[in-house]
Structures are given as structure tokens and as C-alpha cells.
Amino acid sequence: MRTGEGFLLVDDGDLNGLGCRFTVAELLRDSAEEKKAAEAARAAEREQRAARKHAEKEAKRARRKSGRDA
């Protein structure tokens, strides 16, 4: 059963006068997942920069080559 402070455990057995308190918590965010997502974003950004740099080098080579052939 849910109470204002959490949940209430109802047990039919004898607890010998001992009480138990259980707490249920909801995980709002997982720092490990955030870390993985951030690393994936950084890796994607590095790949994009490398691809852009490669394309720029290829364009420069093509310009040089077309200048020699003309």
C-alpha cells in the first residue's frame, strides 16, 4: 500500500516486535548514461571534423591538379 511517506509493507508473519522500513526511490537520471551519451556526441563531432578536413584537403588537391592540367 502506498502512504504519504512511501509504501507500507503488510506481513502476516510475526516480526517479534521488530520493525522494518523500506524506501522506494525513482531514478531520475543515470550519470553513467549521460557520460556515454556525451562521449558518443564528442566522437561524432570528431568524426565530422575529420571528414570536413579530409574533404577540404581533397578539394585543395583537385584545385592544384586542375591548375597544372590547364
PDB file of N, CA and C in Angstrom:
ATOM      1  N   MET A   1       0.844  -1.181   0.000  1.00  0.00           N
ATOM      2  CA  MET A   1       0.000   0.000   0.000  1.00  0.00           C
ATOM      3  C   MET A   1       0.885   1.238   0.000  1.00  0.00           C
ATOM      4  N   ARG A   2       0.433   2.253  -0.636  1.00  0.00           N
ATOM      5  CA  ARG A   2       1.184   3.497  -0.689  1.00  0.00           C
ATOM      6  C   ARG A   2       0.680   4.424   0.414  1.00  0.00           C
ATOM      7  N   THR A   3       1.625   5.057   1.090  1.00  0.00           N
ATOM      8  CA  THR A   3       1.270   6.027   2.125  1.00  0.00           C
ATOM      9  C   THR A   3       1.809   7.379   1.698  1.00  0.00           C
ATOM     10  N   GLY A   4       1.556   8.393   2.495  1.00  0.00           N
ATOM     11  CA  GLY A   4       2.067   9.721   2.193  1.00  0.00           C
ATOM     12  C   GLY A   4       3.576   9.793   2.239  1.00  0.00           C
ATOM     13  N   GLU A   5       4.217   8.928   3.000  1.00  0.00           N
ATOM     14  CA  GLU A   5       5.666   8.920   3.137  1.00  0.00           C
ATOM     15  C   GLU A   5       6.333   7.854   2.282  1.00  0.00           C
ATOM     16  N   GLY A   6       5.580   7.043   1.601  1.00  0.00           N
ATOM     17  CA  GLY A   6       6.181   5.978   0.796  1.00  0.00           C
ATOM     18  C   GLY A   6       5.218   4.822   0.686  1.00  0.00           C
ATOM     19  N   PHE A   7       5.714   3.617   0.974  1.00  0.00           N
ATOM     20  CA  PHE A   7       4.905   2.408   0.873  1.00  0.00           C
ATOM     21  C   PHE A   7       4.860   1.711   2.218  1.00  0.00           C
ATOM     22  N   LEU A   8       3.785   0.977   2.449  1.00  0.00           N
ATOM     23  CA  LEU A   8       3.590   0.245   3.698  1.00  0.00           C
ATOM     24  C   LEU A   8       3.619  -1.233   3.380  1.00  0.00           C
ATOM     25  N   LEU A   9       4.470  -1.989   4.069  1.00  0.00           N
ATOM     26  CA  LEU A   9       4.547  -3.431   3.901  1.00  0.00           C
ATOM     27  C   LEU A   9       3.636  -4.076   4.925  1.00  0.00           C
ATOM     28  N   VAL A  10       2.753  -4.926   4.461  1.00  0.00           N
ATOM     29  CA  VAL A  10       1.861  -5.658   5.348  1.00  0.00           C
ATOM     30  C   VAL A  10       2.280  -7.118   5.293  1.00  0.00           C
ATOM     31  N   ASP A  11       2.592  -7.685   6.470  1.00  0.00           N
ATOM     32  CA  ASP A  11       3.072  -9.062   6.539  1.00  0.00           C
ATOM     33  C   ASP A  11       2.207  -9.824   7.516  1.00  0.00           C
ATOM     34  N   ASP A  12       1.869 -11.055   7.165  1.00  0.00           N
ATOM     35  CA  ASP A  12       1.045 -11.883   8.041  1.00  0.00           C
ATOM     36  C   ASP A  12       1.870 -12.569   9.123  1.00  0.00           C
ATOM     37  N   GLY A  13       3.175 -12.652   8.965  1.00  0.00           N
ATOM     38  CA  GLY A  13       4.017 -13.358   9.919  1.00  0.00           C
ATOM     39  C   GLY A  13       4.339 -12.513  11.137  1.00  0.00           C
ATOM     40  N   ASP A  14       4.905 -13.164  12.155  1.00  0.00           N
ATOM     41  CA  ASP A  14       5.297 -12.489  13.387  1.00  0.00           C
ATOM     42  C   ASP A  14       6.701 -11.925  13.204  1.00  0.00           C
ATOM     43  N   LEU A  15       6.859 -10.631  13.386  1.00  0.00           N
ATOM     44  CA  LEU A  15       8.164  -9.989  13.272  1.00  0.00           C
ATOM     45  C   LEU A  15       8.853  -9.844  14.628  1.00  0.00           C
ATOM     46  N   ASN A  16       8.299 -10.483  15.670  1.00  0.00           N
ATOM     47  CA  ASN A  16       8.865 -10.448  17.028  1.00  0.00           C
ATOM     48  C   ASN A  16       9.089  -9.031  17.514  1.00  0.00           C
ATOM     49  N   GLY A  17       8.193  -8.158  17.195  1.00  0.00           N
ATOM     50  CA  GLY A  17       8.289  -6.798  17.668  1.00  0.00           C
ATOM     51  C   GLY A  17       9.305  -5.954  16.905  1.00  0.00           C
ATOM     52  N   LEU A  18       9.925  -6.488  15.890  1.00  0.00           N
ATOM     53  CA  LEU A  18      10.896  -5.736  15.107  1.00  0.00           C
ATOM     54  C   LEU A  18      10.174  -5.008  13.983  1.00  0.00           C
ATOM     55  N   GLY A  19      10.595  -3.820  13.737  1.00  0.00           N
ATOM     56  CA  GLY A  19      10.003  -3.059  12.638  1.00  0.00           C
ATOM     57  C   GLY A  19      10.984  -2.935  11.485  1.00  0.00           C
ATOM     58  N   CYS A  20      10.455  -2.765  10.329  1.00  0.00           N
ATOM     59  CA  CYS A  20      11.281  -2.591   9.136  1.00  0.00           C
ATOM     60  C   CYS A  20      10.797  -1.359   8.399  1.00  0.00           C
ATOM     61  N   ARG A  21      11.719  -0.664   7.825  1.00  0.00           N
ATOM     62  CA  ARG A  21      11.355   0.475   6.994  1.00  0.00           C
ATOM     63  C   ARG A  21      11.974   0.261   5.623  1.00  0.00           C
ATOM     64  N   PHE A  22      11.141   0.352   4.602  1.00  0.00           N
ATOM     65  CA  PHE A  22      11.581   0.202   3.221  1.00  0.00           C
ATOM     66  C   PHE A  22      11.389   1.525   2.523  1.00  0.00           C
ATOM     67  N   THR A  23      12.334   1.880   1.701  1.00  0.00           N
ATOM     68  CA  THR A  23      12.236   3.102   0.922  1.00  0.00           C
ATOM     69  C   THR A  23      12.340   2.747  -0.556  1.00  0.00           C
ATOM     70  N   VAL A  24      11.423   3.285  -1.318  1.00  0.00           N
ATOM     71  CA  VAL A  24      11.442   3.084  -2.760  1.00  0.00           C
ATOM     72  C   VAL A  24      11.768   4.421  -3.384  1.00  0.00           C
ATOM     73  N   ALA A  25      12.748   4.421  -4.273  1.00  0.00           N
ATOM     74  CA  ALA A  25      13.167   5.664  -4.913  1.00  0.00           C
ATOM     75  C   ALA A  25      13.148   5.475  -6.420  1.00  0.00           C
ATOM     76  N   GLU A  26      12.825   6.530  -7.107  1.00  0.00           N
ATOM     77  CA  GLU A  26      12.812   6.519  -8.565  1.00  0.00           C
ATOM     78  C   GLU A  26      14.097   7.165  -9.061  1.00  0.00           C
ATOM     79  N   LEU A  27      14.770   6.488  -9.976  1.00  0.00           N
ATOM     80  CA  LEU A  27      15.987   7.023 -10.561  1.00  0.00           C
ATOM     81  C   LEU A  27      15.586   8.076 -11.588  1.00  0.00           C
ATOM     82  N   LEU A  28      15.956   9.320 -11.328  1.00  0.00           N
ATOM     83  CA  LEU A  28      15.580  10.415 -12.214  1.00  0.00           C
ATOM     84  C   LEU A  28      16.542  10.565 -13.374  1.00  0.00           C
ATOM     85  N   ARG A  29      17.808  10.335 -13.131  1.00  0.00           N
ATOM     86  CA  ARG A  29      18.790  10.398 -14.206  1.00  0.00           C
ATOM     87  C   ARG A  29      19.931   9.473 -13.843  1.00  0.00           C
ATOM     88  N   ASP A  30      20.540   8.925 -14.865  1.00  0.00           N
ATOM     89  CA  ASP A  30      21.649   7.996 -14.675  1.00  0.00           C
ATOM     90  C   ASP A  30      22.916   8.659 -15.201  1.00  0.00           C
ATOM     91  N   SER A  31      23.827   8.986 -14.313  1.00  0.00           N
ATOM     92  CA  SER A  31      25.038   9.693 -14.725  1.00  0.00           C
ATOM     93  C   SER A  31      25.881   8.856 -15.686  1.00  0.00           C
ATOM     94  N   ALA A  32      25.834   7.543 -15.568  1.00  0.00           N
ATOM     95  CA  ALA A  32      26.586   6.693 -16.489  1.00  0.00           C
ATOM     96  C   ALA A  32      26.032   6.822 -17.903  1.00  0.00           C
ATOM     97  N   GLU A  33      24.714   6.871 -18.029  1.00  0.00           N
ATOM     98  CA  GLU A  33      24.092   7.039 -19.345  1.00  0.00           C
ATOM     99  C   GLU A  33      24.432   8.412 -19.925  1.00  0.00           C
ATOM    100  N   GLU A  34      24.421   9.437 -19.084  1.00  0.00           N
ATOM    101  CA  GLU A  34      24.780  10.780 -19.545  1.00  0.00           C
ATOM    102  C   GLU A  34      26.220  10.809 -20.038  1.00  0.00           C
ATOM    103  N   LYS A  35      27.096  10.122 -19.316  1.00  0.00           N
ATOM    104  CA  LYS A  35      28.511  10.083 -19.692  1.00  0.00           C
ATOM    105  C   LYS A  35      28.671   9.389 -21.052  1.00  0.00           C
ATOM    106  N   LYS A  36      27.947   8.280 -21.263  1.00  0.00           N
ATOM    107  CA  LYS A  36      28.015   7.570 -22.544  1.00  0.00           C
ATOM    108  C   LYS A  36      27.488   8.438 -23.673  1.00  0.00           C
ATOM    109  N   ALA A  37      26.392   9.140 -23.431  1.00  0.00           N
ATOM    110  CA  ALA A  37      25.812  10.000 -24.468  1.00  0.00           C
ATOM    111  C   ALA A  37      26.764  11.150 -24.813  1.00  0.00           C
ATOM    112  N   ALA A  38      27.403  11.724 -23.807  1.00  0.00           N
ATOM    113  CA  ALA A  38      28.345  12.821 -24.042  1.00  0.00           C
ATOM    114  C   ALA A  38      29.552  12.332 -24.838  1.00  0.00           C
ATOM    115  N   GLU A  39      30.054  11.145 -24.508  1.00  0.00           N
ATOM    116  CA  GLU A  39      31.196  10.590 -25.240  1.00  0.00           C
ATOM    117  C   GLU A  39      30.805  10.285 -26.684  1.00  0.00           C
ATOM    118  N   ALA A  40      29.608   9.764 -26.892  1.00  0.00           N
ATOM    119  CA  ALA A  40      29.145   9.491 -28.256  1.00  0.00           C
ATOM    120  C   ALA A  40      29.025  10.786 -29.061  1.00  0.00           C
ATOM    121  N   ALA A  41      28.553  11.850 -28.417  1.00  0.00           N
ATOM    122  CA  ALA A  41      28.435  13.141 -29.100  1.00  0.00           C
ATOM    123  C   ALA A  41      29.813  13.685 -29.465  1.00  0.00           C
ATOM    124  N   ARG A  42      30.774  13.550 -28.547  1.00  0.00           N
ATOM    125  CA  ARG A  42      32.140  14.006 -28.832  1.00  0.00           C
ATOM    126  C   ARG A  42      32.761  13.191 -29.965  1.00  0.00           C
ATOM    127  N   ALA A  43      32.525  11.886 -29.970  1.00  0.00           N
ATOM    128  CA  ALA A  43      33.072  11.038 -31.033  1.00  0.00           C
ATOM    129  C   ALA A  43      32.469  11.418 -32.383  1.00  0.00           C
ATOM    130  N   ALA A  44      31.170  11.674 -32.402  1.00  0.00           N
ATOM    131  CA  ALA A  44      30.513  12.078 -33.646  1.00  0.00           C
ATOM    132  C   ALA A  44      31.066  13.415 -34.139  1.00  0.00           C
ATOM    133  N   GLU A  45      31.311  14.323 -33.209  1.00  0.00           N
ATOM    134  CA  GLU A  45      31.873  15.630 -33.578  1.00  0.00           C
ATOM    135  C   GLU A  45      33.284  15.473 -34.140  1.00  0.00           C
ATOM    136  N   ARG A  46      34.089  14.611 -33.527  1.00  0.00           N
ATOM    137  CA  ARG A  46      35.447  14.354 -34.040  1.00  0.00           C
ATOM    138  C   ARG A  46      35.385  13.769 -35.447  1.00  0.00           C
ATOM    139  N   GLU A  47      34.467  12.838 -35.668  1.00  0.00           N
ATOM    140  CA  GLU A  47      34.328  12.238 -36.999  1.00  0.00           C
ATOM    141  C   GLU A  47      33.912  13.284 -38.030  1.00  0.00           C
ATOM    142  N   GLN A  48      33.003  14.168 -37.651  1.00  0.00           N
ATOM    143  CA  GLN A  48      32.567  15.219 -38.573  1.00  0.00           C
ATOM    144  C   GLN A  48      33.731  16.156 -38.910  1.00  0.00           C
ATOM    145  N   ARG A  49      34.514  16.532 -37.911  1.00  0.00           N
ATOM    146  CA  ARG A  49      35.672  17.398 -38.163  1.00  0.00           C
ATOM    147  C   ARG A  49      36.677  16.716 -39.076  1.00  0.00           C
ATOM    148  N   ALA A  50      36.927  15.433 -38.835  1.00  0.00           N
ATOM    149  CA  ALA A  50      37.881  14.692 -39.663  1.00  0.00           C
ATOM    150  C   ALA A  50      37.374  14.591 -41.099  1.00  0.00           C
ATOM    151  N   ALA A  51      36.083  14.334 -41.275  1.00  0.00           N
ATOM    152  CA  ALA A  51      35.520  14.239 -42.623  1.00  0.00           C
ATOM    153  C   ALA A  51      35.588  15.588 -43.336  1.00  0.00           C
ATOM    154  N   ARG A  52      35.302  16.663 -42.605  1.00  0.00           N
ATOM    155  CA  ARG A  52      35.365  18.003 -43.188  1.00  0.00           C
ATOM    156  C   ARG A  52      36.805  18.340 -43.591  1.00  0.00           C
ATOM    157  N   LYS A  53      37.751  18.020 -42.734  1.00  0.00           N
ATOM    158  CA  LYS A  53      39.158  18.286 -43.018  1.00  0.00           C
ATOM    159  C   LYS A  53      39.616  17.478 -44.234  1.00  0.00           C
ATOM    160  N   HIS A  54      39.202  16.235 -44.313  1.00  0.00           N
ATOM    161  CA  HIS A  54      39.550  15.392 -45.452  1.00  0.00           C
ATOM    162  C   HIS A  54      38.965  15.969 -46.741  1.00  0.00           C
ATOM    163  N   ALA A  55      37.712  16.400 -46.694  1.00  0.00           N
ATOM    164  CA  ALA A  55      37.062  16.983 -47.876  1.00  0.00           C
ATOM    165  C   ALA A  55      37.785  18.258 -48.313  1.00  0.00           C
ATOM    166  N   GLU A  56      38.208  19.071 -47.350  1.00  0.00           N
ATOM    167  CA  GLU A  56      38.939  20.301 -47.686  1.00  0.00           C
ATOM    168  C   GLU A  56      40.276  19.981 -48.351  1.00  0.00           C
ATOM    169  N   LYS A  57      40.968  18.960 -47.837  1.00  0.00           N
ATOM    170  CA  LYS A  57      42.239  18.563 -48.437  1.00  0.00           C
ATOM    171  C   LYS A  57      42.036  18.057 -49.857  1.00  0.00           C
ATOM    172  N   GLU A  58      40.999  17.264 -50.059  1.00  0.00           N
ATOM    173  CA  GLU A  58      40.718  16.736 -51.397  1.00  0.00           C
ATOM    174  C   GLU A  58      40.373  17.862 -52.367  1.00  0.00           C
ATOM    175  N   ALA A  59      39.607  18.834 -51.905  1.00  0.00           N
ATOM    176  CA  ALA A  59      39.252  19.972 -52.761  1.00  0.00           C
ATOM    177  C   ALA A  59      40.506  20.770 -53.124  1.00  0.00           C
ATOM    178  N   LYS A  60      41.398  20.941 -52.168  1.00  0.00           N
ATOM    179  CA  LYS A  60      42.640  21.678 -52.415  1.00  0.00           C
ATOM    180  C   LYS A  60      43.509  20.931 -53.431  1.00  0.00           C
ATOM    181  N   ARG A  61      43.590  19.614 -53.285  1.00  0.00           N
ATOM    182  CA  ARG A  61      44.358  18.811 -54.238  1.00  0.00           C
ATOM    183  C   ARG A  61      43.757  18.908 -55.641  1.00  0.00           C
ATOM    184  N   ALA A  62      42.435  18.869 -55.699  1.00  0.00           N
ATOM    185  CA  ALA A  62      41.763  18.949 -57.008  1.00  0.00           C
ATOM    186  C   ALA A  62      42.026  20.300 -57.662  1.00  0.00           C
ATOM    187  N   ARG A  63      42.027  21.374 -56.860  1.00  0.00           N
ATOM    188  CA  ARG A  63      42.313  22.714 -57.412  1.00  0.00           C
ATOM    189  C   ARG A  63      43.744  22.781 -57.931  1.00  0.00           C
ATOM    190  N   ARG A  64      44.684  22.220 -57.173  1.00  0.00           N
ATOM    191  CA  ARG A  64      46.080  22.227 -57.601  1.00  0.00           C
ATOM    192  C   ARG A  64      46.243  21.424 -58.889  1.00  0.00           C
ATOM    193  N   LYS A  65      45.614  20.251 -58.922  1.00  0.00           N
ATOM    194  CA  LYS A  65      45.729  19.396 -60.086  1.00  0.00           C
ATOM    195  C   LYS A  65      45.113  20.046 -61.328  1.00  0.00           C
ATOM    196  N   SER A  66      43.954  20.695 -61.162  1.00  0.00           N
ATOM    197  CA  SER A  66      43.303  21.339 -62.306  1.00  0.00           C
ATOM    198  C   SER A  66      44.130  22.531 -62.782  1.00  0.00           C
ATOM    199  N   GLY A  67      44.856  23.177 -61.926  1.00  0.00           N
ATOM    200  CA  GLY A  67      45.730  24.282 -62.293  1.00  0.00           C
ATOM    201  C   GLY A  67      46.918  23.822 -63.098  1.00  0.00           C
ATOM    202  N   ARG A  68      47.415  22.638 -62.795  1.00  0.00           N
ATOM    203  CA  ARG A  68      48.559  22.094 -63.541  1.00  0.00           C
ATOM    204  C   ARG A  68      48.147  21.604 -64.918  1.00  0.00           C
ATOM    205  N   ASP A  69      46.920  21.020 -64.984  1.00  0.00           N
ATOM    206  CA  ASP A  69      46.445  20.459 -66.244  1.00  0.00           C
ATOM    207  C   ASP A  69      46.005  21.530 -67.221  1.00  0.00           C
ATOM    208  N   ALA A  70      45.715  22.731 -66.753  1.00  0.00           N
ATOM    209  CA  ALA A  70      45.188  23.783 -67.636  1.00  0.00           C
ATOM    210  C   ALA A  70      46.228  24.412 -68.501  1.00  0.00           C
TER     211      ALA A  70
END
